[in-house]
Amino acid sequence: MGDLVELLKKLQPTEIYVTDGTDGHIDHRAAFWFVRDAAKQVGYKGALYTYLVHGLPAWPFPTGVTPKQPFESRKVDGEVVPRGLPWPPPRRVPLTPEQAERKLKSIQAHNIPVVGMPEHQREMESFVKSEEVFWTPLAGSR
């Protein structure tokens, strides 16, 4: 935590992006908690944006590489996905076709086969959309 606090003091960022506290992966949630707590400790006044990687079940949607489509919310078994976050997200940043292509190439360059999860690469490639989406955690809510 000390290193993160020192980094925030030194860099004094105006924006911070970190995985969301509702992410389905414990390491991603922990990253959010560390960044959130360090930001509080230094009295950070800039913008804090979060993004979702593992928004189980069935996130992101639509599935597959769809660089001309935005992210969408939907119901799965009566539950709104992504779970625990407002839809639409408060910040939607459009991507150019070139940016979407660069994102796809980056994901493909870091293909890591996951034992027992043959669909993992397809799920990661499903993040290639016409936009990036971000949330803003409410003060004291997470």
C-alpha atoms as a PDB file:
ATOM      1  CA  MET A   1       0.000   0.000   0.000  1.00  0.00           C
ATOM      2  CA  GLY A   2       2.860   2.351   0.819  1.00  0.00           C
ATOM      3  CA  ASP A   3       4.278   2.112  -2.703  1.00  0.00           C
ATOM      4  CA  LEU A   4       0.901   2.942  -4.202  1.00  0.00           C
ATOM      5  CA  VAL A   5       0.446   5.919  -1.875  1.00  0.00           C
ATOM      6  CA  GLU A   6       3.907   7.220  -2.808  1.00  0.00           C
ATOM      7  CA  LEU A   7       3.176   6.752  -6.501  1.00  0.00           C
ATOM      8  CA  LEU A   8      -0.061   8.736  -6.249  1.00  0.00           C
ATOM      9  CA  LYS A   9       1.714  11.505  -4.346  1.00  0.00           C
ATOM     10  CA  LYS A  10       4.513  11.655  -6.909  1.00  0.00           C
ATOM     11  CA  LEU A  11       2.434  11.446 -10.097  1.00  0.00           C
ATOM     12  CA  GLN A  12      -0.636  13.380  -8.904  1.00  0.00           C
ATOM     13  CA  PRO A  13      -2.878  11.937 -11.633  1.00  0.00           C
ATOM     14  CA  THR A  14      -6.059  13.706 -12.660  1.00  0.00           C
ATOM     15  CA  GLU A  15      -7.698  10.383 -13.620  1.00  0.00           C
ATOM     16  CA  ILE A  16      -7.291   6.851 -12.288  1.00  0.00           C
ATOM     17  CA  TYR A  17      -8.630   3.730 -14.022  1.00  0.00           C
ATOM     18  CA  VAL A  18      -8.867   0.453 -12.106  1.00  0.00           C
ATOM     19  CA  THR A  19     -10.878  -2.761 -12.200  1.00  0.00           C
ATOM     20  CA  ASP A  20     -14.246  -2.503 -10.459  1.00  0.00           C
ATOM     21  CA  GLY A  21     -14.919  -3.626  -6.902  1.00  0.00           C
ATOM     22  CA  THR A  22     -17.695  -5.893  -8.206  1.00  0.00           C
ATOM     23  CA  ASP A  23     -15.395  -7.810 -10.579  1.00  0.00           C
ATOM     24  CA  GLY A  24     -15.766 -11.584 -10.382  1.00  0.00           C
ATOM     25  CA  HIS A  25     -12.012 -12.102  -9.976  1.00  0.00           C
ATOM     26  CA  ILE A  26     -10.692 -11.601  -6.439  1.00  0.00           C
ATOM     27  CA  ASP A  27      -7.386 -10.116  -7.660  1.00  0.00           C
ATOM     28  CA  HIS A  28      -9.294  -7.514  -9.666  1.00  0.00           C
ATOM     29  CA  ARG A  29     -11.448  -6.612  -6.661  1.00  0.00           C
ATOM     30  CA  ALA A  30      -8.305  -6.366  -4.523  1.00  0.00           C
ATOM     31  CA  ALA A  31      -6.724  -3.981  -7.045  1.00  0.00           C
ATOM     32  CA  PHE A  32      -9.777  -1.747  -6.703  1.00  0.00           C
ATOM     33  CA  TRP A  33      -9.654  -1.828  -2.899  1.00  0.00           C
ATOM     34  CA  PHE A  34      -5.933  -0.967  -2.809  1.00  0.00           C
ATOM     35  CA  VAL A  35      -6.299   1.898  -5.280  1.00  0.00           C
ATOM     36  CA  ARG A  36      -9.440   3.214  -3.566  1.00  0.00           C
ATOM     37  CA  ASP A  37      -7.820   3.130  -0.126  1.00  0.00           C
ATOM     38  CA  ALA A  38      -4.574   4.710  -1.351  1.00  0.00           C
ATOM     39  CA  ALA A  39      -6.553   7.464  -3.083  1.00  0.00           C
ATOM     40  CA  LYS A  40      -8.445   8.166   0.146  1.00  0.00           C
ATOM     41  CA  GLN A  41      -5.206   8.196   2.131  1.00  0.00           C
ATOM     42  CA  VAL A  42      -3.623  10.875  -0.084  1.00  0.00           C
ATOM     43  CA  GLY A  43      -6.829  12.923  -0.330  1.00  0.00           C
ATOM     44  CA  TYR A  44      -7.123  12.283  -4.060  1.00  0.00           C
ATOM     45  CA  LYS A  45      -9.498  14.773  -5.705  1.00  0.00           C
ATOM     46  CA  GLY A  46      -9.342  13.605  -9.337  1.00  0.00           C
ATOM     47  CA  ALA A  47     -11.650  11.263 -11.211  1.00  0.00           C
ATOM     48  CA  LEU A  48     -11.724   7.558 -10.339  1.00  0.00           C
ATOM     49  CA  TYR A  49     -13.080   5.318 -13.086  1.00  0.00           C
ATOM     50  CA  THR A  50     -13.627   1.588 -12.929  1.00  0.00           C
ATOM     51  CA  TYR A  51     -14.052  -1.043 -15.593  1.00  0.00           C
ATOM     52  CA  LEU A  52     -15.348  -4.584 -15.463  1.00  0.00           C
ATOM     53  CA  VAL A  53     -13.524  -7.664 -16.723  1.00  0.00           C
ATOM     54  CA  HIS A  54     -15.182 -10.623 -15.025  1.00  0.00           C
ATOM     55  CA  GLY A  55     -18.820  -9.553 -14.727  1.00  0.00           C
ATOM     56  CA  LEU A  56     -20.215 -13.019 -14.301  1.00  0.00           C
ATOM     57  CA  PRO A  57     -22.399 -14.368 -15.702  1.00  0.00           C
ATOM     58  CA  ALA A  58     -22.334 -13.582 -19.423  1.00  0.00           C
ATOM     59  CA  TRP A  59     -20.234 -10.431 -19.595  1.00  0.00           C
ATOM     60  CA  PRO A  60     -19.318  -8.869 -21.944  1.00  0.00           C
ATOM     61  CA  PHE A  61     -22.231  -8.870 -24.345  1.00  0.00           C
ATOM     62  CA  PRO A  62     -22.654  -9.228 -27.266  1.00  0.00           C
ATOM     63  CA  THR A  63     -20.180 -12.088 -27.455  1.00  0.00           C
ATOM     64  CA  GLY A  64     -17.456 -12.386 -30.044  1.00  0.00           C
ATOM     65  CA  VAL A  65     -15.472  -9.704 -31.825  1.00  0.00           C
ATOM     66  CA  THR A  66     -18.040  -6.980 -32.589  1.00  0.00           C
ATOM     67  CA  PRO A  67     -16.077  -3.745 -33.188  1.00  0.00           C
ATOM     68  CA  LYS A  68     -19.086  -1.949 -34.657  1.00  0.00           C
ATOM     69  CA  GLN A  69     -21.386  -2.649 -31.713  1.00  0.00           C
ATOM     70  CA  PRO A  70     -21.478  -1.104 -28.230  1.00  0.00           C
ATOM     71  CA  PHE A  71     -21.502  -3.056 -24.991  1.00  0.00           C
ATOM     72  CA  GLU A  72     -25.012  -4.050 -23.962  1.00  0.00           C
ATOM     73  CA  SER A  73     -26.738  -5.037 -20.769  1.00  0.00           C
ATOM     74  CA  ARG A  74     -29.172  -7.930 -20.720  1.00  0.00           C
ATOM     75  CA  LYS A  75     -31.015 -10.273 -18.400  1.00  0.00           C
ATOM     76  CA  VAL A  76     -29.673 -13.754 -17.744  1.00  0.00           C
ATOM     77  CA  ASP A  77     -31.901 -16.027 -15.669  1.00  0.00           C
ATOM     78  CA  GLY A  78     -33.847 -12.971 -14.502  1.00  0.00           C
ATOM     79  CA  GLU A  79     -30.704 -11.133 -13.381  1.00  0.00           C
ATOM     80  CA  VAL A  80     -29.393  -7.955 -15.018  1.00  0.00           C
ATOM     81  CA  VAL A  81     -25.849  -8.289 -16.367  1.00  0.00           C
ATOM     82  CA  PRO A  82     -23.452  -6.728 -15.596  1.00  0.00           C
ATOM     83  CA  ARG A  83     -24.375  -7.466 -12.004  1.00  0.00           C
ATOM     84  CA  GLY A  84     -24.049  -4.788  -9.328  1.00  0.00           C
ATOM     85  CA  LEU A  85     -23.424  -1.858 -11.671  1.00  0.00           C
ATOM     86  CA  PRO A  86     -25.795   0.750 -13.113  1.00  0.00           C
ATOM     87  CA  TRP A  87     -26.654   0.586 -16.784  1.00  0.00           C
ATOM     88  CA  PRO A  88     -25.936   2.530 -18.866  1.00  0.00           C
ATOM     89  CA  PRO A  89     -22.478   3.214 -17.464  1.00  0.00           C
ATOM     90  CA  PRO A  90     -21.792   6.878 -16.706  1.00  0.00           C
ATOM     91  CA  ARG A  91     -18.835   7.058 -19.081  1.00  0.00           C
ATOM     92  CA  ARG A  92     -18.820   5.637 -22.602  1.00  0.00           C
ATOM     93  CA  VAL A  93     -15.793   6.435 -24.747  1.00  0.00           C
ATOM     94  CA  PRO A  94     -16.106   5.752 -28.497  1.00  0.00           C
ATOM     95  CA  LEU A  95     -13.308   3.838 -30.223  1.00  0.00           C
ATOM     96  CA  THR A  96     -12.217   4.336 -33.806  1.00  0.00           C
ATOM     97  CA  PRO A  97     -12.054   1.213 -35.995  1.00  0.00           C
ATOM     98  CA  GLU A  98      -8.257   1.443 -35.767  1.00  0.00           C
ATOM     99  CA  GLN A  99      -8.358   1.498 -31.967  1.00  0.00           C
ATOM    100  CA  ALA A 100     -10.696  -1.504 -31.895  1.00  0.00           C
ATOM    101  CA  GLU A 101      -8.340  -3.392 -34.238  1.00  0.00           C
ATOM    102  CA  ARG A 102      -5.350  -2.510 -32.040  1.00  0.00           C
ATOM    103  CA  LYS A 103      -7.265  -3.755 -29.001  1.00  0.00           C
ATOM    104  CA  LEU A 104      -8.031  -7.058 -30.736  1.00  0.00           C
ATOM    105  CA  LYS A 105      -4.376  -7.531 -31.709  1.00  0.00           C
ATOM    106  CA  SER A 106      -3.301  -6.811 -28.126  1.00  0.00           C
ATOM    107  CA  ILE A 107      -5.736  -9.374 -26.743  1.00  0.00           C
ATOM    108  CA  GLN A 108      -4.615 -11.952 -29.288  1.00  0.00           C
ATOM    109  CA  ALA A 109      -0.943 -11.280 -28.514  1.00  0.00           C
ATOM    110  CA  HIS A 110      -1.604 -12.163 -24.870  1.00  0.00           C
ATOM    111  CA  ASN A 111      -3.583 -15.340 -25.465  1.00  0.00           C
ATOM    112  CA  ILE A 112      -3.188 -17.471 -22.356  1.00  0.00           C
ATOM    113  CA  PRO A 113      -4.900 -20.859 -22.560  1.00  0.00           C
ATOM    114  CA  VAL A 114      -6.817 -21.504 -19.356  1.00  0.00           C
ATOM    115  CA  VAL A 115      -7.165 -25.164 -18.393  1.00  0.00           C
ATOM    116  CA  GLY A 116     -10.810 -26.178 -18.373  1.00  0.00           C
ATOM    117  CA  MET A 117     -11.908 -22.929 -20.046  1.00  0.00           C
ATOM    118  CA  PRO A 118     -11.597 -23.363 -23.807  1.00  0.00           C
ATOM    119  CA  GLU A 119     -13.890 -20.354 -24.327  1.00  0.00           C
ATOM    120  CA  HIS A 120     -11.534 -17.989 -22.450  1.00  0.00           C
ATOM    121  CA  GLN A 121      -9.961 -16.434 -25.569  1.00  0.00           C
ATOM    122  CA  ARG A 122     -13.366 -15.831 -27.168  1.00  0.00           C
ATOM    123  CA  GLU A 123     -14.558 -14.172 -23.959  1.00  0.00           C
ATOM    124  CA  MET A 124     -11.528 -11.869 -23.935  1.00  0.00           C
ATOM    125  CA  GLU A 125     -12.040 -11.019 -27.614  1.00  0.00           C
ATOM    126  CA  SER A 126     -15.644 -10.110 -26.757  1.00  0.00           C
ATOM    127  CA  PHE A 127     -14.233  -6.930 -25.195  1.00  0.00           C
ATOM    128  CA  VAL A 128     -13.578  -5.598 -28.701  1.00  0.00           C
ATOM    129  CA  LYS A 129     -16.482  -3.201 -29.143  1.00  0.00           C
ATOM    130  CA  SER A 130     -17.119   0.252 -30.586  1.00  0.00           C
ATOM    131  CA  GLU A 131     -16.508   1.807 -27.169  1.00  0.00           C
ATOM    132  CA  GLU A 132     -14.951   1.491 -23.743  1.00  0.00           C
ATOM    133  CA  VAL A 133     -17.257   1.699 -20.725  1.00  0.00           C
ATOM    134  CA  PHE A 134     -16.409   3.019 -17.271  1.00  0.00           C
ATOM    135  CA  TRP A 135     -18.183   3.458 -13.965  1.00  0.00           C
ATOM    136  CA  THR A 136     -17.620   5.918 -11.155  1.00  0.00           C
ATOM    137  CA  PRO A 137     -17.777   4.408  -7.681  1.00  0.00           C
ATOM    138  CA  LEU A 138     -20.048   6.331  -5.343  1.00  0.00           C
ATOM    139  CA  ALA A 139     -18.420   7.737  -2.232  1.00  0.00           C
ATOM    140  CA  GLY A 140     -18.666   5.231   0.588  1.00  0.00           C
ATOM    141  CA  SER A 141     -20.561   2.688  -1.502  1.00  0.00           C
ATOM    142  CA  ARG A 142     -17.748   0.214  -2.011  1.00  0.00           C
END
